[in-house]
Amino acid sequence: MTNLPEKRDPRELRASDSDRDRVAAILREAAGDGRLSLDELDERLSAVYVAKTYADLEPITSDLPDTDAPAPSPVSSGGTAYGFGGTPTSKLGIGILGGFSRKGPWGVPRTFTSIALMGGGELDLRDARFTEREVTIRTFAVMGGVSIILPEDAEVHVTGIGIMGGFDHQAIGPGAPGAPRIHVKGFAFWGGVAAERKASKSRRKQLKAERRREERDGEIE
């Protein structure tokens, strides 16, 4: 009988920059709630940014309630690991004669509502921490605009409508196994909602590294 390769412990997999950023966001939120002192926050953040694997990251938040730091989790074909769970950091974005922005390692709730009235907004979910696998983005733009940047490997459904305005449906499509399922709803009246997929910073680094490796292999041949 052929010996099958031994399965690797998922905890031994290398953590990405976005994984470390998600853990850092959890720590800062815990410090804001008074669960960690500033000295403890500094000490744990130092441990986060030298962590190499999921096993290194796990104990850093193990004594904090209601957190789900990156752990052995599904890995999409795009190379991004999603650890669903934790606490949302924001549920509403309002831009009235102004603007709002949500980007970086913020906690996406089950339902996020964005309103742009003669203003604008930006939602960037590429490096976000998803509290649940299925989320809904409710977007209303009246004489304003909202830009939504989605992970390239997410499953995306867009059902919003444009009335004397535009509601972009080009991001619709299937996702990779284990990636978030995102529903974008709402309407644009004399305004616009743009939804597009883009690679995260960590994914772009990965693609560049892969291209450099292919170039080196080609030179050797």
Protein backbone atom coordinates (compact mmCIF):
# COMPACT_ATOMS: atom_id res chain seq x y z
CA MET A 1 0.00 0.00 0.00
CA THR A 2 1.24 3.47 -0.86
CA ASN A 3 1.96 5.56 2.18
CA LEU A 4 -0.14 8.71 2.15
CA PRO A 5 1.55 11.96 3.21
CA GLU A 6 0.84 12.93 6.76
CA LYS A 7 -1.66 15.77 7.07
CA ARG A 8 -0.15 18.99 8.30
CA ASP A 9 -1.54 20.64 11.40
CA PRO A 10 -3.33 23.81 10.13
CA ARG A 11 -1.96 25.64 13.17
CA GLU A 12 1.52 25.28 11.67
CA LEU A 13 0.57 27.25 8.55
CA ARG A 14 2.20 30.63 8.07
CA ALA A 15 0.13 33.66 9.07
CA SER A 16 -0.29 36.56 6.62
CA ASP A 17 0.02 40.30 7.21
CA SER A 18 -3.79 40.60 7.20
CA ASP A 19 -4.00 37.86 9.88
CA ARG A 20 -1.64 39.83 12.11
CA ASP A 21 -3.58 43.04 11.44
CA ARG A 22 -6.85 41.36 12.49
CA VAL A 23 -5.32 40.21 15.78
CA ALA A 24 -3.92 43.71 16.37
CA ALA A 25 -7.39 45.20 15.83
CA ILE A 26 -8.85 42.79 18.40
CA LEU A 27 -6.20 43.82 20.94
CA ARG A 28 -6.80 47.54 20.40
CA GLU A 29 -10.54 47.02 20.84
CA ALA A 30 -9.91 45.09 24.07
CA ALA A 31 -7.69 47.92 25.35
CA GLY A 32 -10.43 50.42 24.51
CA ASP A 33 -12.87 48.32 26.57
CA GLY A 34 -10.46 48.36 29.53
CA ARG A 35 -9.60 44.66 29.29
CA LEU A 36 -5.91 45.37 28.66
CA SER A 37 -3.62 48.00 30.09
CA LEU A 38 -1.47 50.06 27.75
CA ASP A 39 1.60 48.10 28.81
CA GLU A 40 -0.18 44.81 28.08
CA LEU A 41 -1.33 46.16 24.72
CA ASP A 42 2.23 47.14 23.75
CA GLU A 43 3.57 43.76 24.88
CA ARG A 44 0.96 41.78 22.92
CA LEU A 45 1.24 43.93 19.80
CA SER A 46 4.98 43.24 19.80
CA ALA A 47 4.20 39.52 19.94
CA VAL A 48 1.69 39.86 17.08
CA TYR A 49 4.12 41.38 14.64
CA VAL A 50 6.81 38.76 15.25
CA ALA A 51 4.33 35.84 15.05
CA LYS A 52 4.99 33.52 12.11
CA THR A 53 2.21 30.89 12.35
CA TYR A 54 -1.41 30.61 13.47
CA ALA A 55 -0.15 28.72 16.53
CA ASP A 56 1.91 31.79 17.47
CA LEU A 57 -1.16 34.07 17.17
CA GLU A 58 -3.70 31.92 19.03
CA PRO A 59 -2.50 32.46 22.64
CA ILE A 60 -2.27 36.24 22.21
CA THR A 61 -6.08 36.61 22.39
CA SER A 62 -6.98 33.36 24.16
CA ASP A 63 -8.04 35.15 27.38
CA LEU A 64 -10.22 37.74 25.62
CA PRO A 65 -13.97 37.08 25.34
CA ASP A 66 -15.91 36.84 22.09
CA THR A 67 -12.90 36.94 19.82
CA ASP A 68 -11.99 34.71 16.95
CA ALA A 69 -8.47 35.56 15.98
CA PRO A 70 -7.02 33.94 12.88
CA ALA A 71 -6.74 30.23 13.48
CA PRO A 72 -6.76 27.18 11.27
CA SER A 73 -9.44 28.34 8.86
CA PRO A 74 -10.55 27.76 5.29
CA VAL A 75 -8.06 29.03 2.75
CA SER A 76 -9.42 30.32 -0.52
CA SER A 77 -7.91 29.83 -3.95
CA GLY A 78 -6.77 33.42 -3.70
CA GLY A 79 -4.55 32.51 -0.77
CA THR A 80 -6.48 34.41 1.91
CA ALA A 81 -7.37 32.73 5.23
CA TYR A 82 -10.66 33.82 6.81
CA GLY A 83 -11.27 33.45 10.52
CA PHE A 84 -14.94 34.32 10.98
CA GLY A 85 -16.08 35.65 14.34
CA GLY A 86 -15.33 38.43 16.79
CA THR A 87 -17.11 41.70 17.42
CA PRO A 88 -18.14 44.22 14.72
CA THR A 89 -16.35 47.55 14.96
CA SER A 90 -18.88 49.50 12.90
CA LYS A 91 -22.44 48.97 11.66
CA LEU A 92 -23.21 52.32 10.05
CA GLY A 93 -21.49 54.80 7.76
CA ILE A 94 -23.03 58.21 7.02
CA GLY A 95 -21.81 60.85 4.62
CA ILE A 96 -24.06 63.94 4.60
CA LEU A 97 -22.39 66.86 2.83
CA GLY A 98 -19.22 65.01 3.70
CA GLY A 99 -17.75 61.55 3.62
CA PHE A 100 -17.00 58.37 5.53
CA SER A 101 -14.47 55.58 5.14
CA ARG A 102 -14.11 52.04 6.45
CA LYS A 103 -10.93 50.22 5.49
CA GLY A 104 -8.10 48.18 6.90
CA PRO A 105 -8.68 45.43 9.52
CA TRP A 106 -12.14 46.61 10.66
CA GLY A 107 -14.82 44.19 11.91
CA VAL A 108 -17.65 43.76 9.39
CA PRO A 109 -21.06 43.05 11.01
CA ARG A 110 -23.76 40.79 9.67
CA THR A 111 -25.49 43.88 8.24
CA PHE A 112 -23.76 47.18 7.46
CA THR A 113 -25.74 50.24 6.35
CA SER A 114 -24.15 53.10 4.41
CA ILE A 115 -25.86 56.39 3.57
CA ALA A 116 -24.46 59.09 1.29
CA LEU A 117 -26.57 62.25 0.99
CA MET A 118 -24.84 64.85 -1.15
CA GLY A 119 -21.67 63.23 0.09
CA GLY A 120 -19.56 60.14 -0.41
CA GLY A 121 -18.33 56.99 1.24
CA GLU A 122 -15.75 54.25 0.84
CA LEU A 123 -16.09 50.67 2.07
CA ASP A 124 -12.99 48.52 1.64
CA LEU A 125 -13.54 44.92 2.74
CA ARG A 126 -10.31 43.41 1.42
CA ASP A 127 -8.47 43.37 4.75
CA ALA A 128 -11.56 43.37 6.95
CA ARG A 129 -12.35 40.81 9.64
CA PHE A 130 -15.73 39.20 8.87
CA THR A 131 -17.74 38.38 12.00
CA GLU A 132 -19.93 36.03 9.97
CA ARG A 133 -19.46 34.30 6.66
CA GLU A 134 -22.63 35.82 5.13
CA VAL A 135 -22.99 39.60 5.32
CA THR A 136 -25.28 42.22 3.80
CA ILE A 137 -24.21 45.71 2.75
CA ARG A 138 -27.20 48.07 2.53
CA THR A 139 -26.23 51.17 0.55
CA PHE A 140 -28.30 54.30 -0.13
CA ALA A 141 -26.84 57.10 -2.25
CA VAL A 142 -28.88 60.26 -2.87
CA MET A 143 -27.04 62.84 -4.95
CA GLY A 144 -23.89 61.21 -3.68
CA GLY A 145 -21.72 58.16 -4.23
CA VAL A 146 -20.43 55.08 -2.43
CA SER A 147 -17.46 52.97 -3.51
CA ILE A 148 -17.40 49.36 -2.32
CA ILE A 149 -14.17 47.35 -2.75
CA LEU A 150 -14.67 43.63 -2.26
CA PRO A 151 -12.23 40.74 -1.76
CA GLU A 152 -11.42 39.15 -5.10
CA ASP A 153 -12.32 35.65 -3.85
CA ALA A 154 -15.67 36.53 -2.21
CA GLU A 155 -19.04 35.31 -3.46
CA VAL A 156 -20.89 38.50 -4.42
CA HIS A 157 -24.60 39.17 -5.04
CA VAL A 158 -25.75 42.66 -6.05
CA THR A 159 -29.45 43.53 -6.19
CA GLY A 160 -29.40 47.33 -5.80
CA ILE A 161 -31.14 49.60 -8.30
CA GLY A 162 -30.33 52.98 -9.79
CA ILE A 163 -33.00 55.65 -10.24
CA MET A 164 -31.66 58.46 -12.40
CA GLY A 165 -28.35 57.14 -11.18
CA GLY A 166 -26.21 54.02 -11.32
CA PHE A 167 -25.82 50.88 -9.21
CA ASP A 168 -22.91 48.78 -10.45
CA HIS A 169 -23.54 45.02 -10.76
CA GLN A 170 -20.21 44.04 -12.34
CA ALA A 171 -18.83 42.49 -9.14
CA ILE A 172 -21.43 39.70 -9.13
CA GLY A 173 -19.89 36.25 -9.20
CA PRO A 174 -19.06 33.04 -7.35
CA GLY A 175 -16.39 32.86 -4.69
CA ALA A 176 -13.72 30.49 -3.50
CA PRO A 177 -14.44 27.77 -0.90
CA GLY A 178 -14.46 29.23 2.60
CA ALA A 179 -14.59 32.87 1.44
CA PRO A 180 -17.31 35.33 2.58
CA ARG A 181 -20.69 35.58 0.88
CA ILE A 182 -21.56 39.27 0.41
CA HIS A 183 -24.94 40.72 -0.55
CA VAL A 184 -25.02 44.34 -1.75
CA LYS A 185 -28.49 45.94 -1.69
CA GLY A 186 -30.05 49.41 -1.78
CA PHE A 187 -30.56 52.16 -4.33
CA ALA A 188 -28.91 55.18 -5.90
CA PHE A 189 -30.99 58.26 -6.71
CA TRP A 190 -29.18 60.93 -8.70
CA GLY A 191 -26.06 59.25 -7.44
CA GLY A 192 -24.00 56.12 -7.84
CA VAL A 193 -22.84 52.97 -6.08
CA ALA A 194 -19.72 51.31 -7.49
CA ALA A 195 -18.87 47.75 -6.43
CA GLU A 196 -15.66 46.13 -7.63
CA ARG A 197 -13.31 43.30 -6.73
CA LYS A 198 -9.65 43.98 -6.04
CA ALA A 199 -6.76 42.02 -4.63
CA SER A 200 -5.62 42.91 -1.11
CA LYS A 201 -2.13 44.21 -0.40
CA SER A 202 -1.03 40.80 0.91
CA ARG A 203 -2.44 39.08 -2.20
CA ARG A 204 -0.62 41.53 -4.50
CA LYS A 205 2.62 40.76 -2.64
CA GLN A 206 1.96 37.06 -3.10
CA LEU A 207 1.36 37.47 -6.85
CA LYS A 208 4.57 39.51 -7.23
CA ALA A 209 6.52 36.85 -5.36
CA GLU A 210 5.04 34.15 -7.58
CA ARG A 211 5.96 36.10 -10.72
CA ARG A 212 9.54 36.62 -9.48
CA ARG A 213 9.80 32.90 -8.69
CA GLU A 214 8.53 31.99 -12.18
CA GLU A 215 11.03 34.39 -13.76
CA ARG A 216 13.90 32.86 -11.77
CA ASP A 217 12.79 29.35 -12.71
CA GLY A 218 12.64 30.42 -16.38
CA GLU A 219 16.18 31.81 -16.23
CA ILE A 220 17.48 28.59 -14.70
CA GLU A 221 15.89 26.51 -17.48
